[in-house]
Amino acid sequence: MLTTMRRIGNSRGVLIPAAFLASCQIEDQVDMQLQDGQIVIKPVRRQLREGWFADAGDAPPAALAQEQADVQDWLAISGEDDSEWVW
């Protein structure tokens, strides 16, 4: 397929047809490499929810204690005593 380069600031870009993107399963991120004078673009495959809990064990104990205190405060506010609520 023959296409043209487009100016994007000081760089150049190429529009990739949607059918190509779908066929290669390319979404938002790509891995771009220069191999033997050719530009190779590969899809980045990430696991669902990758890295969500990676730093959970690094939280300082004070932060965890504060989070637990916040949860207890919410439970106290939203307890079964709703006498202050006006509907």
N, C-alpha and C. Protein backbone atom coordinates (compact mmCIF):
# COMPACT_ATOMS: atom_id res chain seq x y z
N MET A 1 0.85 -1.17 0.00
CA MET A 1 0.00 0.00 0.00
C MET A 1 0.89 1.23 0.00
N LEU A 2 0.68 2.12 -0.91
CA LEU A 2 1.44 3.36 -1.01
C LEU A 2 0.70 4.47 -0.29
N THR A 3 1.41 5.21 0.58
CA THR A 3 0.80 6.29 1.33
C THR A 3 1.80 7.44 1.45
N THR A 4 1.38 8.56 1.98
CA THR A 4 2.27 9.72 2.10
C THR A 4 2.53 10.03 3.57
N MET A 5 3.64 10.71 3.81
CA MET A 5 4.00 11.17 5.14
C MET A 5 3.31 12.50 5.39
N ARG A 6 2.87 12.73 6.61
CA ARG A 6 2.22 13.99 6.99
C ARG A 6 3.05 14.67 8.07
N ARG A 7 3.09 16.00 8.00
CA ARG A 7 3.81 16.77 9.01
C ARG A 7 2.99 16.81 10.30
N ILE A 8 3.67 16.53 11.41
CA ILE A 8 3.09 16.64 12.74
C ILE A 8 4.15 17.36 13.58
N GLY A 9 4.05 18.68 13.66
CA GLY A 9 5.09 19.46 14.33
C GLY A 9 6.39 19.33 13.58
N ASN A 10 7.46 18.96 14.28
CA ASN A 10 8.76 18.74 13.63
C ASN A 10 8.92 17.31 13.14
N SER A 11 7.93 16.48 13.38
CA SER A 11 8.01 15.06 13.02
C SER A 11 7.16 14.78 11.79
N ARG A 12 7.10 13.52 11.43
CA ARG A 12 6.25 13.07 10.34
C ARG A 12 5.42 11.90 10.81
N GLY A 13 4.25 11.73 10.24
CA GLY A 13 3.39 10.63 10.63
C GLY A 13 2.74 9.98 9.43
N VAL A 14 2.26 8.77 9.65
CA VAL A 14 1.57 8.00 8.63
C VAL A 14 0.22 7.57 9.21
N LEU A 15 -0.84 7.74 8.45
CA LEU A 15 -2.15 7.24 8.89
C LEU A 15 -2.22 5.75 8.58
N ILE A 16 -2.58 4.98 9.59
CA ILE A 16 -2.70 3.54 9.43
C ILE A 16 -4.18 3.21 9.33
N PRO A 17 -4.60 2.57 8.25
CA PRO A 17 -6.02 2.25 8.07
C PRO A 17 -6.57 1.39 9.22
N ALA A 18 -7.82 1.61 9.55
CA ALA A 18 -8.47 0.88 10.64
C ALA A 18 -8.43 -0.63 10.43
N ALA A 19 -8.53 -1.08 9.20
CA ALA A 19 -8.49 -2.52 8.92
C ALA A 19 -7.12 -3.10 9.30
N PHE A 20 -6.04 -2.36 9.06
CA PHE A 20 -4.71 -2.81 9.44
C PHE A 20 -4.61 -2.91 10.96
N LEU A 21 -5.10 -1.88 11.65
CA LEU A 21 -5.04 -1.85 13.11
C LEU A 21 -5.82 -3.02 13.71
N ALA A 22 -6.99 -3.27 13.19
CA ALA A 22 -7.82 -4.37 13.69
C ALA A 22 -7.15 -5.71 13.43
N SER A 23 -6.58 -5.87 12.25
CA SER A 23 -5.93 -7.12 11.88
C SER A 23 -4.73 -7.42 12.77
N CYS A 24 -4.00 -6.38 13.17
CA CYS A 24 -2.81 -6.54 14.02
C CYS A 24 -3.14 -6.43 15.50
N GLN A 25 -4.40 -6.18 15.82
CA GLN A 25 -4.86 -6.00 17.20
C GLN A 25 -4.11 -4.87 17.90
N ILE A 26 -3.93 -3.76 17.19
CA ILE A 26 -3.27 -2.58 17.75
C ILE A 26 -4.34 -1.68 18.32
N GLU A 27 -4.13 -1.26 19.59
CA GLU A 27 -5.08 -0.37 20.24
C GLU A 27 -4.41 0.98 20.48
N ASP A 28 -4.03 1.29 21.71
CA ASP A 28 -3.50 2.61 22.03
C ASP A 28 -1.98 2.68 22.02
N GLN A 29 -1.30 1.64 22.44
CA GLN A 29 0.15 1.67 22.52
C GLN A 29 0.77 0.71 21.52
N VAL A 30 1.94 1.10 21.01
CA VAL A 30 2.69 0.25 20.10
C VAL A 30 4.16 0.25 20.52
N ASP A 31 4.86 -0.78 20.11
CA ASP A 31 6.30 -0.87 20.29
C ASP A 31 6.91 -0.62 18.92
N MET A 32 7.69 0.46 18.79
CA MET A 32 8.28 0.83 17.51
C MET A 32 9.79 0.61 17.57
N GLN A 33 10.33 -0.11 16.59
CA GLN A 33 11.76 -0.43 16.55
C GLN A 33 12.31 -0.18 15.16
N LEU A 34 13.59 0.07 15.09
CA LEU A 34 14.28 0.22 13.82
C LEU A 34 15.11 -1.04 13.61
N GLN A 35 14.78 -1.82 12.57
CA GLN A 35 15.48 -3.06 12.29
C GLN A 35 15.93 -3.08 10.84
N ASP A 36 17.23 -3.13 10.64
CA ASP A 36 17.81 -3.20 9.29
C ASP A 36 17.27 -2.10 8.38
N GLY A 37 17.16 -0.88 8.89
CA GLY A 37 16.70 0.25 8.09
C GLY A 37 15.20 0.28 7.86
N GLN A 38 14.45 -0.55 8.56
CA GLN A 38 13.00 -0.57 8.44
C GLN A 38 12.37 -0.25 9.79
N ILE A 39 11.24 0.43 9.76
CA ILE A 39 10.50 0.73 10.98
C ILE A 39 9.51 -0.41 11.20
N VAL A 40 9.60 -1.04 12.38
CA VAL A 40 8.72 -2.16 12.72
C VAL A 40 7.82 -1.70 13.87
N ILE A 41 6.52 -1.79 13.67
CA ILE A 41 5.55 -1.40 14.69
C ILE A 41 4.80 -2.65 15.13
N LYS A 42 4.84 -2.91 16.46
CA LYS A 42 4.17 -4.10 17.00
C LYS A 42 3.18 -3.67 18.07
N PRO A 43 2.09 -4.42 18.21
CA PRO A 43 1.13 -4.09 19.28
C PRO A 43 1.72 -4.39 20.65
N VAL A 44 1.31 -3.61 21.64
CA VAL A 44 1.70 -3.87 23.02
C VAL A 44 0.56 -4.64 23.67
N ARG A 45 0.86 -5.81 24.16
CA ARG A 45 -0.15 -6.64 24.78
C ARG A 45 0.01 -6.53 26.30
N ARG A 46 -1.00 -6.04 26.96
CA ARG A 46 -0.99 -5.91 28.41
C ARG A 46 -2.04 -6.82 29.00
N GLN A 47 -1.71 -7.37 30.16
CA GLN A 47 -2.67 -8.18 30.88
C GLN A 47 -3.73 -7.26 31.49
N LEU A 48 -4.94 -7.73 31.56
CA LEU A 48 -6.02 -6.97 32.17
C LEU A 48 -5.66 -6.64 33.62
N ARG A 49 -5.76 -5.37 33.99
CA ARG A 49 -5.47 -4.88 35.34
C ARG A 49 -4.01 -5.08 35.74
N GLU A 50 -3.11 -5.09 34.77
CA GLU A 50 -1.70 -5.28 35.06
C GLU A 50 -1.16 -4.13 35.92
N GLY A 51 -0.51 -4.47 37.00
CA GLY A 51 0.12 -3.48 37.86
C GLY A 51 -0.80 -2.77 38.83
N TRP A 52 -2.05 -3.16 38.90
CA TRP A 52 -2.99 -2.47 39.78
C TRP A 52 -2.56 -2.56 41.23
N PHE A 53 -2.07 -3.71 41.66
CA PHE A 53 -1.74 -3.91 43.07
C PHE A 53 -0.23 -4.04 43.28
N ALA A 54 0.56 -3.61 42.34
CA ALA A 54 2.01 -3.76 42.43
C ALA A 54 2.58 -3.03 43.64
N ASP A 55 2.07 -1.86 43.94
CA ASP A 55 2.63 -1.07 45.04
C ASP A 55 1.78 -1.14 46.31
N ALA A 56 0.81 -2.03 46.37
CA ALA A 56 -0.07 -2.10 47.54
C ALA A 56 0.69 -2.49 48.79
N GLY A 57 1.70 -3.34 48.67
CA GLY A 57 2.48 -3.76 49.82
C GLY A 57 3.45 -2.70 50.28
N ASP A 58 3.67 -1.66 49.47
CA ASP A 58 4.62 -0.61 49.81
C ASP A 58 4.01 0.52 50.62
N ALA A 59 2.72 0.46 50.89
CA ALA A 59 2.07 1.55 51.63
C ALA A 59 2.57 1.55 53.07
N PRO A 60 2.91 2.71 53.59
CA PRO A 60 3.37 2.76 54.98
C PRO A 60 2.25 2.40 55.93
N PRO A 61 2.57 1.83 57.09
CA PRO A 61 1.53 1.41 58.04
C PRO A 61 0.62 2.56 58.45
N ALA A 62 1.15 3.78 58.55
CA ALA A 62 0.30 4.92 58.92
C ALA A 62 -0.78 5.16 57.88
N ALA A 63 -0.44 4.99 56.61
CA ALA A 63 -1.43 5.19 55.55
C ALA A 63 -2.51 4.12 55.62
N LEU A 64 -2.11 2.90 55.92
CA LEU A 64 -3.09 1.83 56.05
C LEU A 64 -3.99 2.07 57.26
N ALA A 65 -3.40 2.53 58.36
CA ALA A 65 -4.19 2.81 59.56
C ALA A 65 -5.19 3.92 59.28
N GLN A 66 -4.77 4.95 58.55
CA GLN A 66 -5.68 6.05 58.21
C GLN A 66 -6.81 5.56 57.31
N GLU A 67 -6.47 4.70 56.37
CA GLU A 67 -7.50 4.16 55.49
C GLU A 67 -8.52 3.34 56.28
N GLN A 68 -8.05 2.54 57.22
CA GLN A 68 -8.97 1.75 58.04
C GLN A 68 -9.83 2.65 58.92
N ALA A 69 -9.24 3.74 59.43
CA ALA A 69 -10.01 4.69 60.25
C ALA A 69 -11.09 5.36 59.41
N ASP A 70 -10.75 5.69 58.15
CA ASP A 70 -11.73 6.28 57.25
C ASP A 70 -12.89 5.33 57.00
N VAL A 71 -12.58 4.06 56.81
CA VAL A 71 -13.62 3.05 56.59
C VAL A 71 -14.53 2.97 57.83
N GLN A 72 -13.94 2.97 59.02
CA GLN A 72 -14.73 2.91 60.24
C GLN A 72 -15.62 4.15 60.38
N ASP A 73 -15.08 5.32 60.00
CA ASP A 73 -15.89 6.55 60.04
C ASP A 73 -17.10 6.43 59.13
N TRP A 74 -16.88 5.91 57.92
CA TRP A 74 -17.99 5.76 56.98
C TRP A 74 -19.02 4.77 57.50
N LEU A 75 -18.53 3.69 58.10
CA LEU A 75 -19.45 2.71 58.64
C LEU A 75 -20.27 3.31 59.78
N ALA A 76 -19.64 4.15 60.60
CA ALA A 76 -20.36 4.80 61.70
C ALA A 76 -21.41 5.76 61.17
N ILE A 77 -21.07 6.49 60.11
CA ILE A 77 -22.01 7.45 59.52
C ILE A 77 -23.17 6.73 58.86
N SER A 78 -22.86 5.66 58.15
CA SER A 78 -23.90 4.98 57.37
C SER A 78 -24.50 3.80 58.13
N GLY A 79 -24.35 3.78 59.45
CA GLY A 79 -24.88 2.69 60.26
C GLY A 79 -26.39 2.60 60.17
N GLU A 80 -26.95 1.72 60.96
CA GLU A 80 -28.39 1.48 60.88
C GLU A 80 -29.21 2.60 61.52
N ASP A 81 -28.57 3.46 62.27
CA ASP A 81 -29.30 4.57 62.89
C ASP A 81 -29.43 5.70 61.88
N ASP A 82 -30.58 5.78 61.24
CA ASP A 82 -30.79 6.83 60.25
C ASP A 82 -31.80 7.86 60.77
N SER A 83 -31.83 8.06 62.09
CA SER A 83 -32.81 8.97 62.68
C SER A 83 -32.57 10.43 62.25
N GLU A 84 -31.34 10.77 61.86
CA GLU A 84 -31.05 12.15 61.46
C GLU A 84 -31.45 12.42 60.02
N TRP A 85 -31.72 11.41 59.27
CA TRP A 85 -32.06 11.59 57.87
C TRP A 85 -33.50 12.08 57.74
N VAL A 86 -33.70 13.06 56.86
CA VAL A 86 -35.04 13.55 56.58
C VAL A 86 -35.34 13.24 55.13
N TRP A 87 -36.41 12.54 54.89
CA TRP A 87 -36.77 12.15 53.53
C TRP A 87 -37.94 12.92 53.04
